[in-house]
Amino acid sequence: MKKLTIATRVSDLALWQAYHIKDRIEASYPEITVELNEIVSNGDKVLDKPLALIGGKGHFTKELEDEMLAGNADIAVHSLKDVPTYIPDGLELVAVTERQDQSDVFLSHKYTSLEELPQGAVVGTTSLRRRMQLLQQRPDLKVKDLRGNVNTRLRKLKEGQYDAIILAFIGLHRLNLLKDIPYTQKLSLDMMIPPMGQAALGIEIVTGNEKVREIAESLKDEKTFICTKIERDFISKIGAGCSAPVACNAVINDNTVTFRTMIGFPDGTNIMQEKIVKNIEQSDNLGFEMAQLMIDNGAMKLLEDAEKTAFKDEMPQRL
C-alpha cells in the first residue's frame, strides 16, 4: 500500500484532527503517502437550526461514510462524540485515540465565572445536555441556541449576543483560541458531565482491507477504547434520541472504572442520575448494565417526555 486517503470535514477543528492523524500515520509508516479528502457535511451547511432538528450529529459523519463506501477514502477521522452508535454495513469503528481533557469551558467577555453570571443572563449553547445541566444549577439563566463553527460562535460572543457561552475545552485548546477570551472557566466533570466520546477521535475504516485495519489499530488507546465503548453501549441500549438530554462519562483510575450518567428534561427538571463503580476486569457490559438500571427506574418514559418538551414547535427529523 503506497497511498492512504483520509475523509474529513473541512472545519478548522476537523482539519486539525485529520492532519494530526496524518502525521502520526506517516511517522509510523513512512512508505505510505497520506492524503485528505475534504468534505462539507450537511451538519456544517445547515447552521440555522439545532442539530436535533436536522437529524442529529449523524449529519457530521454521513457524507464521510458515503465517500468511504464509494471507494474515495480508506479511513475517516471523526470527533467520537459525533459518531452515532450505528455503523453502516461495510464500515467499522476500529480505533479510538487517547482521550484528552473532556471538560466543557465557560467563556465570557463580561463575567469571570458561571457563578458570577447575574440572574437572567443569556448563555449560548445548542447542546441539550449542557442546557439541562446549566438550568439544573442555575434555573434563572436564559439559554439561547448557538450554532456555527467555533470562530462563528466566538464572534457572536464578542458581539454581545450572549453574556457567556459553553464549549468543549479541547477544541479551543487545539486551535489555540482560549487566549482571545477575557474570561474562561474550565467546568469540572462534576459540574458538567460530558457526552459520549468527548475529547477522543474515532477512526472508521472500510471493512476488508487488513493493511488499513493495521494502520488504524496502531492509533488505538486501550483505556480510552474501554471507556468510550461503555458510553456507546449505554447510549445504544437506552436508545436516547438526539432531542433528549443525556450525559454519560466513564473514567478509569488504577483498575477501577467509574461510570456516571444523567438524563432529564432540557429545562433542568426531572433529573435522573446514576453512578456505578466496577473493577476494570468486570466492566465489559457496564454500559448495558447502566442502561438497564435506568430503564428499570423509568428512563424510557422520562426520555419520551423529554423529547416532547425539547422542541415544542418543530418535529425532529430522523436519520
C-alpha atoms as a PDB file:
ATOM      1  CA  MET A   1       0.000   0.000   0.000  1.00  0.00           C
ATOM      2  CA  LYS A   2       1.516   3.289  -1.129  1.00  0.00           C
ATOM      3  CA  LYS A   3      -1.296   5.778  -0.525  1.00  0.00           C
ATOM      4  CA  LEU A   4      -3.978   6.175   2.131  1.00  0.00           C
ATOM      5  CA  THR A   5      -6.841   8.658   1.922  1.00  0.00           C
ATOM      6  CA  ILE A   6      -8.494  10.179   4.993  1.00  0.00           C
ATOM      7  CA  ALA A   7     -12.029  11.539   4.754  1.00  0.00           C
ATOM      8  CA  THR A   8     -12.540  14.627   6.912  1.00  0.00           C
ATOM      9  CA  ARG A   9     -14.881  17.546   7.401  1.00  0.00           C
ATOM     10  CA  VAL A  10     -13.500  20.969   6.453  1.00  0.00           C
ATOM     11  CA  SER A  11     -13.989  22.808   9.742  1.00  0.00           C
ATOM     12  CA  ASP A  12     -10.817  24.116  11.350  1.00  0.00           C
ATOM     13  CA  LEU A  13     -11.069  21.588  14.171  1.00  0.00           C
ATOM     14  CA  ALA A  14     -11.800  18.644  11.876  1.00  0.00           C
ATOM     15  CA  LEU A  15      -8.803  19.539   9.710  1.00  0.00           C
ATOM     16  CA  TRP A  16      -6.573  19.847  12.790  1.00  0.00           C
ATOM     17  CA  GLN A  17      -7.670  16.350  13.795  1.00  0.00           C
ATOM     18  CA  ALA A  18      -7.168  14.894  10.324  1.00  0.00           C
ATOM     19  CA  TYR A  19      -3.676  16.386   9.964  1.00  0.00           C
ATOM     20  CA  HIS A  20      -2.825  15.123  13.452  1.00  0.00           C
ATOM     21  CA  ILE A  21      -3.724  11.570  12.384  1.00  0.00           C
ATOM     22  CA  LYS A  22      -1.964  12.046   9.032  1.00  0.00           C
ATOM     23  CA  ASP A  23       1.254  12.993  10.829  1.00  0.00           C
ATOM     24  CA  ARG A  24       1.012  10.013  13.165  1.00  0.00           C
ATOM     25  CA  ILE A  25       0.456   7.557  10.316  1.00  0.00           C
ATOM     26  CA  GLU A  26       3.288   8.969   8.221  1.00  0.00           C
ATOM     27  CA  ALA A  27       5.640   8.797  11.219  1.00  0.00           C
ATOM     28  CA  SER A  28       4.804   5.116  11.779  1.00  0.00           C
ATOM     29  CA  TYR A  29       4.530   4.166   8.087  1.00  0.00           C
ATOM     30  CA  PRO A  30       6.987   6.387   6.163  1.00  0.00           C
ATOM     31  CA  GLU A  31       6.478   4.348   2.990  1.00  0.00           C
ATOM     32  CA  ILE A  32       2.815   5.452   2.795  1.00  0.00           C
ATOM     33  CA  THR A  33       1.651   8.820   1.466  1.00  0.00           C
ATOM     34  CA  VAL A  34      -1.427  10.130   3.284  1.00  0.00           C
ATOM     35  CA  GLU A  35      -3.886  12.438   1.519  1.00  0.00           C
ATOM     36  CA  LEU A  36      -7.045  14.200   2.744  1.00  0.00           C
ATOM     37  CA  ASN A  37     -10.462  14.077   1.096  1.00  0.00           C
ATOM     38  CA  GLU A  38     -12.115  17.228   2.458  1.00  0.00           C
ATOM     39  CA  ILE A  39     -15.916  17.148   2.615  1.00  0.00           C
ATOM     40  CA  VAL A  40     -18.501  19.758   3.611  1.00  0.00           C
ATOM     41  CA  SER A  41     -21.004  17.822   5.709  1.00  0.00           C
ATOM     42  CA  ASN A  42     -24.682  18.677   5.962  1.00  0.00           C
ATOM     43  CA  GLY A  43     -24.151  19.488   9.626  1.00  0.00           C
ATOM     44  CA  ASP A  44     -21.722  22.209   8.533  1.00  0.00           C
ATOM     45  CA  LYS A  45     -24.134  23.624   5.936  1.00  0.00           C
ATOM     46  CA  VAL A  46     -27.340  23.974   7.966  1.00  0.00           C
ATOM     47  CA  LEU A  47     -26.488  26.461  10.687  1.00  0.00           C
ATOM     48  CA  ASP A  48     -29.873  27.999  11.455  1.00  0.00           C
ATOM     49  CA  LYS A  49     -31.437  25.023  13.266  1.00  0.00           C
ATOM     50  CA  PRO A  50     -30.485  22.880  16.261  1.00  0.00           C
ATOM     51  CA  LEU A  51     -28.778  19.639  15.246  1.00  0.00           C
ATOM     52  CA  ALA A  52     -31.636  17.578  16.652  1.00  0.00           C
ATOM     53  CA  LEU A  53     -33.970  19.133  14.071  1.00  0.00           C
ATOM     54  CA  ILE A  54     -31.824  18.165  11.062  1.00  0.00           C
ATOM     55  CA  GLY A  55     -31.199  14.583  12.131  1.00  0.00           C
ATOM     56  CA  GLY A  56     -28.668  14.908  14.912  1.00  0.00           C
ATOM     57  CA  LYS A  57     -24.928  14.517  14.974  1.00  0.00           C
ATOM     58  CA  GLY A  58     -25.041  11.797  12.311  1.00  0.00           C
ATOM     59  CA  HIS A  59     -25.132  14.652   9.815  1.00  0.00           C
ATOM     60  CA  PHE A  60     -21.475  15.270  10.649  1.00  0.00           C
ATOM     61  CA  THR A  61     -20.484  11.725   9.642  1.00  0.00           C
ATOM     62  CA  LYS A  62     -22.826  10.509   6.890  1.00  0.00           C
ATOM     63  CA  GLU A  63     -21.087  12.191   3.950  1.00  0.00           C
ATOM     64  CA  LEU A  64     -17.694  10.926   5.106  1.00  0.00           C
ATOM     65  CA  GLU A  65     -19.080   7.404   5.330  1.00  0.00           C
ATOM     66  CA  ASP A  66     -20.605   7.737   1.855  1.00  0.00           C
ATOM     67  CA  GLU A  67     -17.186   8.698   0.471  1.00  0.00           C
ATOM     68  CA  MET A  68     -15.604   5.620   2.037  1.00  0.00           C
ATOM     69  CA  LEU A  69     -18.323   3.307   0.741  1.00  0.00           C
ATOM     70  CA  ALA A  70     -17.865   4.848  -2.733  1.00  0.00           C
ATOM     71  CA  GLY A  71     -14.162   3.980  -2.638  1.00  0.00           C
ATOM     72  CA  ASN A  72     -12.954   7.582  -2.328  1.00  0.00           C
ATOM     73  CA  ALA A  73     -11.375   7.212   1.132  1.00  0.00           C
ATOM     74  CA  ASP A  74      -9.818   4.457   3.218  1.00  0.00           C
ATOM     75  CA  ILE A  75     -10.495   5.860   6.680  1.00  0.00           C
ATOM     76  CA  ALA A  76     -12.405   8.695   8.292  1.00  0.00           C
ATOM     77  CA  VAL A  77     -11.351  10.715  11.311  1.00  0.00           C
ATOM     78  CA  HIS A  78     -14.279  11.792  13.486  1.00  0.00           C
ATOM     79  CA  SER A  79     -14.796  13.546  16.766  1.00  0.00           C
ATOM     80  CA  LEU A  80     -16.084  10.430  18.504  1.00  0.00           C
ATOM     81  CA  LYS A  81     -18.925  12.339  20.179  1.00  0.00           C
ATOM     82  CA  ASP A  82     -20.358  12.933  16.677  1.00  0.00           C
ATOM     83  CA  VAL A  83     -20.373   9.246  15.676  1.00  0.00           C
ATOM     84  CA  PRO A  84     -23.764   7.501  16.036  1.00  0.00           C
ATOM     85  CA  THR A  85     -23.741   4.105  17.727  1.00  0.00           C
ATOM     86  CA  TYR A  86     -24.997   2.547  14.473  1.00  0.00           C
ATOM     87  CA  ILE A  87     -22.210   1.988  11.934  1.00  0.00           C
ATOM     88  CA  PRO A  88     -23.292   1.218   8.325  1.00  0.00           C
ATOM     89  CA  ASP A  89     -22.579  -2.183   6.787  1.00  0.00           C
ATOM     90  CA  GLY A  90     -19.184  -2.232   5.109  1.00  0.00           C
ATOM     91  CA  LEU A  91     -17.618   0.128   7.657  1.00  0.00           C
ATOM     92  CA  GLU A  92     -16.147  -0.394  11.125  1.00  0.00           C
ATOM     93  CA  LEU A  93     -15.136   1.854  14.009  1.00  0.00           C
ATOM     94  CA  VAL A  94     -11.886   0.074  14.868  1.00  0.00           C
ATOM     95  CA  ALA A  95      -9.857   2.533  16.923  1.00  0.00           C
ATOM     96  CA  VAL A  96     -10.252   5.356  19.399  1.00  0.00           C
ATOM     97  CA  THR A  97      -7.329   7.649  20.147  1.00  0.00           C
ATOM     98  CA  GLU A  98      -6.210   8.616  23.641  1.00  0.00           C
ATOM     99  CA  ARG A  99      -8.782  10.882  25.214  1.00  0.00           C
ATOM    100  CA  GLN A 100      -7.669  14.388  26.113  1.00  0.00           C
ATOM    101  CA  ASP A 101      -9.288  16.885  28.506  1.00  0.00           C
ATOM    102  CA  GLN A 102     -13.042  16.207  28.466  1.00  0.00           C
ATOM    103  CA  SER A 103     -14.130  19.386  30.231  1.00  0.00           C
ATOM    104  CA  ASP A 104     -16.553  21.962  28.951  1.00  0.00           C
ATOM    105  CA  VAL A 105     -15.429  25.562  29.385  1.00  0.00           C
ATOM    106  CA  PHE A 106     -17.325  28.756  30.287  1.00  0.00           C
ATOM    107  CA  LEU A 107     -16.387  31.743  28.091  1.00  0.00           C
ATOM    108  CA  SER A 108     -17.340  35.385  28.573  1.00  0.00           C
ATOM    109  CA  HIS A 109     -16.271  38.936  27.788  1.00  0.00           C
ATOM    110  CA  LYS A 110     -18.159  40.244  30.835  1.00  0.00           C
ATOM    111  CA  TYR A 111     -18.165  37.751  33.701  1.00  0.00           C
ATOM    112  CA  THR A 112     -15.376  35.736  35.283  1.00  0.00           C
ATOM    113  CA  SER A 113     -17.331  32.550  36.016  1.00  0.00           C
ATOM    114  CA  LEU A 114     -20.637  30.731  35.781  1.00  0.00           C
ATOM    115  CA  GLU A 115     -21.274  31.597  39.420  1.00  0.00           C
ATOM    116  CA  GLU A 116     -20.829  35.333  38.721  1.00  0.00           C
ATOM    117  CA  LEU A 117     -23.496  35.467  35.997  1.00  0.00           C
ATOM    118  CA  PRO A 118     -26.397  37.677  37.108  1.00  0.00           C
ATOM    119  CA  GLN A 119     -29.975  36.428  37.152  1.00  0.00           C
ATOM    120  CA  GLY A 120     -31.440  36.279  33.651  1.00  0.00           C
ATOM    121  CA  ALA A 121     -28.043  36.260  31.903  1.00  0.00           C
ATOM    122  CA  VAL A 122     -28.066  34.830  28.365  1.00  0.00           C
ATOM    123  CA  VAL A 123     -25.917  31.734  27.868  1.00  0.00           C
ATOM    124  CA  GLY A 124     -25.320  30.250  24.426  1.00  0.00           C
ATOM    125  CA  THR A 125     -25.404  26.525  23.705  1.00  0.00           C
ATOM    126  CA  THR A 126     -27.396  24.280  21.402  1.00  0.00           C
ATOM    127  CA  SER A 127     -26.445  21.178  23.395  1.00  0.00           C
ATOM    128  CA  LEU A 128     -29.465  19.850  25.261  1.00  0.00           C
ATOM    129  CA  ARG A 129     -27.038  18.091  27.622  1.00  0.00           C
ATOM    130  CA  ARG A 130     -25.435  21.414  28.593  1.00  0.00           C
ATOM    131  CA  ARG A 131     -28.807  23.150  28.733  1.00  0.00           C
ATOM    132  CA  MET A 132     -30.119  20.514  31.162  1.00  0.00           C
ATOM    133  CA  GLN A 133     -27.123  20.774  33.493  1.00  0.00           C
ATOM    134  CA  LEU A 134     -26.912  24.573  33.341  1.00  0.00           C
ATOM    135  CA  LEU A 135     -30.562  25.025  34.205  1.00  0.00           C
ATOM    136  CA  GLN A 136     -30.407  22.365  36.917  1.00  0.00           C
ATOM    137  CA  GLN A 137     -27.782  24.508  38.670  1.00  0.00           C
ATOM    138  CA  ARG A 138     -28.969  27.952  37.549  1.00  0.00           C
ATOM    139  CA  PRO A 139     -32.688  27.869  36.639  1.00  0.00           C
ATOM    140  CA  ASP A 140     -32.620  31.675  36.483  1.00  0.00           C
ATOM    141  CA  LEU A 141     -30.471  31.739  33.338  1.00  0.00           C
ATOM    142  CA  LYS A 142     -31.796  32.216  29.811  1.00  0.00           C
ATOM    143  CA  VAL A 143     -30.289  29.609  27.469  1.00  0.00           C
ATOM    144  CA  LYS A 144     -30.189  30.578  23.794  1.00  0.00           C
ATOM    145  CA  ASP A 145     -29.286  28.388  20.795  1.00  0.00           C
ATOM    146  CA  LEU A 146     -25.749  28.743  19.429  1.00  0.00           C
ATOM    147  CA  ARG A 147     -24.797  27.252  16.046  1.00  0.00           C
ATOM    148  CA  GLY A 148     -21.907  27.761  13.631  1.00  0.00           C
ATOM    149  CA  ASN A 149     -18.266  26.761  13.652  1.00  0.00           C
ATOM    150  CA  VAL A 150     -16.040  27.655  16.606  1.00  0.00           C
ATOM    151  CA  ASN A 151     -14.945  31.004  15.183  1.00  0.00           C
ATOM    152  CA  THR A 152     -18.543  31.967  14.412  1.00  0.00           C
ATOM    153  CA  ARG A 153     -19.596  31.139  17.966  1.00  0.00           C
ATOM    154  CA  LEU A 154     -16.741  33.165  19.444  1.00  0.00           C
ATOM    155  CA  ARG A 155     -17.607  36.107  17.175  1.00  0.00           C
ATOM    156  CA  LYS A 156     -21.224  36.047  18.358  1.00  0.00           C
ATOM    157  CA  LEU A 157     -19.997  36.095  21.963  1.00  0.00           C
ATOM    158  CA  LYS A 158     -17.692  39.042  21.261  1.00  0.00           C
ATOM    159  CA  GLU A 159     -20.522  40.932  19.551  1.00  0.00           C
ATOM    160  CA  GLY A 160     -22.531  40.697  22.777  1.00  0.00           C
ATOM    161  CA  GLN A 161     -25.240  38.344  21.517  1.00  0.00           C
ATOM    162  CA  TYR A 162     -24.600  36.283  24.651  1.00  0.00           C
ATOM    163  CA  ASP A 163     -23.344  37.055  28.144  1.00  0.00           C
ATOM    164  CA  ALA A 164     -21.471  33.743  28.070  1.00  0.00           C
ATOM    165  CA  ILE A 165     -21.226  30.578  26.014  1.00  0.00           C
ATOM    166  CA  ILE A 166     -20.230  26.992  26.847  1.00  0.00           C
ATOM    167  CA  LEU A 167     -17.990  24.983  24.507  1.00  0.00           C
ATOM    168  CA  ALA A 168     -15.791  21.899  24.724  1.00  0.00           C
ATOM    169  CA  PHE A 169     -12.376  22.836  26.105  1.00  0.00           C
ATOM    170  CA  ILE A 170     -10.359  20.528  23.846  1.00  0.00           C
ATOM    171  CA  GLY A 171     -11.384  22.112  20.538  1.00  0.00           C
ATOM    172  CA  LEU A 172     -10.469  25.615  21.703  1.00  0.00           C
ATOM    173  CA  HIS A 173      -7.199  24.315  23.124  1.00  0.00           C
ATOM    174  CA  ARG A 174      -6.238  22.542  19.894  1.00  0.00           C
ATOM    175  CA  LEU A 175      -6.941  25.661  17.843  1.00  0.00           C
ATOM    176  CA  ASN A 176      -5.214  27.963  20.377  1.00  0.00           C
ATOM    177  CA  LEU A 177      -8.313  30.143  20.742  1.00  0.00           C
ATOM    178  CA  LEU A 178      -8.582  30.415  24.525  1.00  0.00           C
ATOM    179  CA  LYS A 179      -6.052  33.256  24.644  1.00  0.00           C
ATOM    180  CA  ASP A 180      -8.516  35.571  22.886  1.00  0.00           C
ATOM    181  CA  ILE A 181     -11.257  35.247  25.526  1.00  0.00           C
ATOM    182  CA  PRO A 182     -11.039  37.615  28.539  1.00  0.00           C
ATOM    183  CA  TYR A 183     -12.708  35.237  30.995  1.00  0.00           C
ATOM    184  CA  THR A 184     -12.596  31.444  30.898  1.00  0.00           C
ATOM    185  CA  GLN A 185     -13.573  28.856  33.491  1.00  0.00           C
ATOM    186  CA  LYS A 186     -12.985  25.159  32.940  1.00  0.00           C
ATOM    187  CA  LEU A 187     -16.026  23.337  34.326  1.00  0.00           C
ATOM    188  CA  SER A 188     -15.301  20.249  36.405  1.00  0.00           C
ATOM    189  CA  LEU A 189     -16.744  16.903  35.329  1.00  0.00           C
ATOM    190  CA  ASP A 190     -18.861  17.066  38.500  1.00  0.00           C
ATOM    191  CA  MET A 191     -20.358  20.367  37.380  1.00  0.00           C
ATOM    192  CA  MET A 192     -20.863  19.375  33.729  1.00  0.00           C
ATOM    193  CA  ILE A 193     -20.875  15.661  32.812  1.00  0.00           C
ATOM    194  CA  PRO A 194     -19.597  15.240  29.215  1.00  0.00           C
ATOM    195  CA  PRO A 195     -21.364  13.497  26.329  1.00  0.00           C
ATOM    196  CA  MET A 196     -20.495  10.085  24.949  1.00  0.00           C
ATOM    197  CA  GLY A 197     -16.984  10.094  23.455  1.00  0.00           C
ATOM    198  CA  GLN A 198     -15.981  13.685  24.178  1.00  0.00           C
ATOM    199  CA  ALA A 199     -12.291  14.566  23.540  1.00  0.00           C
ATOM    200  CA  ALA A 200     -11.456  11.345  21.691  1.00  0.00           C
ATOM    201  CA  LEU A 201     -11.091  10.695  17.971  1.00  0.00           C
ATOM    202  CA  GLY A 202     -12.822   7.770  16.297  1.00  0.00           C
ATOM    203  CA  ILE A 203     -11.075   6.045  13.396  1.00  0.00           C
ATOM    204  CA  GLU A 204     -13.548   4.423  10.996  1.00  0.00           C
ATOM    205  CA  ILE A 205     -12.391   2.162   8.165  1.00  0.00           C
ATOM    206  CA  VAL A 206     -13.735   0.284   5.165  1.00  0.00           C
ATOM    207  CA  THR A 207     -14.150  -3.379   6.059  1.00  0.00           C
ATOM    208  CA  GLY A 208     -11.876  -5.878   4.334  1.00  0.00           C
ATOM    209  CA  ASN A 209      -8.545  -4.075   3.963  1.00  0.00           C
ATOM    210  CA  GLU A 210      -6.238  -5.651   6.538  1.00  0.00           C
ATOM    211  CA  LYS A 211      -3.428  -3.130   5.989  1.00  0.00           C
ATOM    212  CA  VAL A 212      -5.807  -0.245   6.675  1.00  0.00           C
ATOM    213  CA  ARG A 213      -7.043  -2.083   9.769  1.00  0.00           C
ATOM    214  CA  GLU A 214      -3.448  -2.490  10.984  1.00  0.00           C
ATOM    215  CA  ILE A 215      -2.746   1.209  10.455  1.00  0.00           C
ATOM    216  CA  ALA A 216      -5.939   2.273  12.230  1.00  0.00           C
ATOM    217  CA  GLU A 217      -5.343  -0.048  15.181  1.00  0.00           C
ATOM    218  CA  SER A 218      -1.871   1.441  15.637  1.00  0.00           C
ATOM    219  CA  LEU A 219      -3.662   4.642  16.711  1.00  0.00           C
ATOM    220  CA  LYS A 220      -5.772   2.908  19.380  1.00  0.00           C
ATOM    221  CA  ASP A 221      -5.590   3.740  23.083  1.00  0.00           C
ATOM    222  CA  GLU A 222      -6.843   0.772  25.071  1.00  0.00           C
ATOM    223  CA  LYS A 223      -8.132   2.592  28.166  1.00  0.00           C
ATOM    224  CA  THR A 224      -9.969   5.187  26.080  1.00  0.00           C
ATOM    225  CA  PHE A 225     -11.422   2.422  23.925  1.00  0.00           C
ATOM    226  CA  ILE A 226     -12.799   0.690  27.055  1.00  0.00           C
ATOM    227  CA  CYS A 227     -14.322   3.900  28.443  1.00  0.00           C
ATOM    228  CA  THR A 228     -15.894   5.039  25.189  1.00  0.00           C
ATOM    229  CA  LYS A 229     -17.270   1.550  24.478  1.00  0.00           C
ATOM    230  CA  ILE A 230     -19.058   1.681  27.846  1.00  0.00           C
ATOM    231  CA  GLU A 231     -20.505   5.086  26.936  1.00  0.00           C
ATOM    232  CA  ARG A 232     -21.547   3.989  23.434  1.00  0.00           C
ATOM    233  CA  ASP A 233     -23.102   0.745  24.751  1.00  0.00           C
ATOM    234  CA  PHE A 234     -25.148   2.801  27.213  1.00  0.00           C
ATOM    235  CA  ILE A 235     -26.427   5.185  24.534  1.00  0.00           C
ATOM    236  CA  SER A 236     -27.159   2.299  22.168  1.00  0.00           C
ATOM    237  CA  LYS A 237     -29.253   0.335  24.666  1.00  0.00           C
ATOM    238  CA  ILE A 238     -31.126   3.229  26.205  1.00  0.00           C
ATOM    239  CA  GLY A 239     -31.997   4.454  22.721  1.00  0.00           C
ATOM    240  CA  ALA A 240     -31.665   8.123  23.588  1.00  0.00           C
ATOM    241  CA  GLY A 241     -32.762  10.241  20.638  1.00  0.00           C
ATOM    242  CA  CYS A 242     -30.910  13.358  19.575  1.00  0.00           C
ATOM    243  CA  SER A 243     -33.600  15.540  21.133  1.00  0.00           C
ATOM    244  CA  ALA A 244     -33.197  14.089  24.640  1.00  0.00           C
ATOM    245  CA  PRO A 245     -30.619  15.496  27.053  1.00  0.00           C
ATOM    246  CA  VAL A 246     -28.182  12.713  28.022  1.00  0.00           C
ATOM    247  CA  ALA A 247     -24.767  12.854  29.697  1.00  0.00           C
ATOM    248  CA  CYS A 248     -22.531   9.846  30.293  1.00  0.00           C
ATOM    249  CA  ASN A 249     -18.893   9.517  31.257  1.00  0.00           C
ATOM    250  CA  ALA A 250     -16.640   6.579  32.097  1.00  0.00           C
ATOM    251  CA  VAL A 251     -13.264   7.158  33.757  1.00  0.00           C
ATOM    252  CA  ILE A 252     -10.529   4.667  34.676  1.00  0.00           C
ATOM    253  CA  ASN A 253      -8.435   5.207  37.796  1.00  0.00           C
ATOM    254  CA  ASP A 254      -5.951   2.418  38.530  1.00  0.00           C
ATOM    255  CA  ASN A 255      -8.048  -0.743  37.977  1.00  0.00           C
ATOM    256  CA  THR A 256     -11.407   0.860  38.676  1.00  0.00           C
ATOM    257  CA  VAL A 257     -13.997   2.186  36.224  1.00  0.00           C
ATOM    258  CA  THR A 258     -16.399   4.892  37.406  1.00  0.00           C
ATOM    259  CA  PHE A 259     -19.395   5.402  35.112  1.00  0.00           C
ATOM    260  CA  ARG A 260     -21.764   8.334  35.692  1.00  0.00           C
ATOM    261  CA  THR A 261     -24.917   9.110  33.747  1.00  0.00           C
ATOM    262  CA  MET A 262     -27.628  11.764  33.726  1.00  0.00           C
ATOM    263  CA  ILE A 263     -30.852  12.193  31.787  1.00  0.00           C
ATOM    264  CA  GLY A 264     -33.643  14.699  32.275  1.00  0.00           C
ATOM    265  CA  PHE A 265     -35.674  17.499  30.770  1.00  0.00           C
ATOM    266  CA  PRO A 266     -33.956  20.292  28.794  1.00  0.00           C
ATOM    267  CA  ASP A 267     -35.179  22.799  31.402  1.00  0.00           C
ATOM    268  CA  GLY A 268     -33.110  21.103  34.121  1.00  0.00           C
ATOM    269  CA  THR A 269     -36.026  19.345  35.827  1.00  0.00           C
ATOM    270  CA  ASN A 270     -36.928  15.657  36.229  1.00  0.00           C
ATOM    271  CA  ILE A 271     -33.268  14.668  36.532  1.00  0.00           C
ATOM    272  CA  MET A 272     -32.253  11.009  36.852  1.00  0.00           C
ATOM    273  CA  GLN A 273     -28.617  10.375  37.841  1.00  0.00           C
ATOM    274  CA  GLU A 274     -26.726   7.153  38.475  1.00  0.00           C
ATOM    275  CA  LYS A 275     -23.153   6.087  39.226  1.00  0.00           C
ATOM    276  CA  ILE A 276     -21.603   2.622  39.095  1.00  0.00           C
ATOM    277  CA  VAL A 277     -18.047   1.761  40.144  1.00  0.00           C
ATOM    278  CA  LYS A 278     -16.542  -1.546  38.990  1.00  0.00           C
ATOM    279  CA  ASN A 279     -13.239  -3.328  38.647  1.00  0.00           C
ATOM    280  CA  ILE A 280     -11.981  -2.935  35.083  1.00  0.00           C
ATOM    281  CA  GLU A 281     -11.998  -6.715  34.553  1.00  0.00           C
ATOM    282  CA  GLN A 282     -15.745  -6.737  35.252  1.00  0.00           C
ATOM    283  CA  SER A 283     -16.645  -3.732  33.108  1.00  0.00           C
ATOM    284  CA  ASP A 284     -17.296  -5.365  29.715  1.00  0.00           C
ATOM    285  CA  ASN A 285     -21.070  -4.939  29.975  1.00  0.00           C
ATOM    286  CA  LEU A 286     -21.114  -1.885  32.228  1.00  0.00           C
ATOM    287  CA  GLY A 287     -22.776   0.352  29.635  1.00  0.00           C
ATOM    288  CA  PHE A 288     -25.603  -2.124  29.097  1.00  0.00           C
ATOM    289  CA  GLU A 289     -25.962  -2.696  32.847  1.00  0.00           C
ATOM    290  CA  MET A 290     -26.280   1.035  33.495  1.00  0.00           C
ATOM    291  CA  ALA A 291     -28.849   1.410  30.743  1.00  0.00           C
ATOM    292  CA  GLN A 292     -30.923  -1.451  32.173  1.00  0.00           C
ATOM    293  CA  LEU A 293     -30.734   0.050  35.675  1.00  0.00           C
ATOM    294  CA  MET A 294     -32.071   3.368  34.397  1.00  0.00           C
ATOM    295  CA  ILE A 295     -34.709   1.668  32.237  1.00  0.00           C
ATOM    296  CA  ASP A 296     -35.909  -0.246  35.307  1.00  0.00           C
ATOM    297  CA  ASN A 297     -36.173   3.098  37.116  1.00  0.00           C
ATOM    298  CA  GLY A 298     -38.374   4.632  34.415  1.00  0.00           C
ATOM    299  CA  ALA A 299     -35.846   6.128  31.990  1.00  0.00           C
ATOM    300  CA  MET A 300     -37.798   5.306  28.840  1.00  0.00           C
ATOM    301  CA  LYS A 301     -40.848   7.296  29.927  1.00  0.00           C
ATOM    302  CA  LEU A 302     -38.575  10.116  31.055  1.00  0.00           C
ATOM    303  CA  LEU A 303     -36.802  10.171  27.692  1.00  0.00           C
ATOM    304  CA  GLU A 304     -40.108  10.100  25.824  1.00  0.00           C
ATOM    305  CA  ASP A 305     -41.420  13.051  27.816  1.00  0.00           C
ATOM    306  CA  ALA A 306     -38.097  14.906  27.495  1.00  0.00           C
ATOM    307  CA  GLU A 307     -38.167  14.618  23.702  1.00  0.00           C
ATOM    308  CA  LYS A 308     -41.681  16.055  23.621  1.00  0.00           C
ATOM    309  CA  THR A 309     -40.528  19.135  25.514  1.00  0.00           C
ATOM    310  CA  ALA A 310     -37.174  19.606  23.731  1.00  0.00           C
ATOM    311  CA  PHE A 311     -38.510  21.403  20.649  1.00  0.00           C
ATOM    312  CA  LYS A 312     -42.194  22.091  21.128  1.00  0.00           C
ATOM    313  CA  ASP A 313     -42.646  23.954  17.866  1.00  0.00           C
ATOM    314  CA  GLU A 314     -40.905  21.557  15.490  1.00  0.00           C
ATOM    315  CA  MET A 315     -40.729  17.817  14.965  1.00  0.00           C
ATOM    316  CA  PRO A 316     -37.193  16.409  14.873  1.00  0.00           C
ATOM    317  CA  GLN A 317     -36.249  14.668  11.631  1.00  0.00           C
ATOM    318  CA  ARG A 318     -34.774  11.195  11.955  1.00  0.00           C
ATOM    319  CA  LEU A 319     -31.822   9.679  10.158  1.00  0.00           C
END
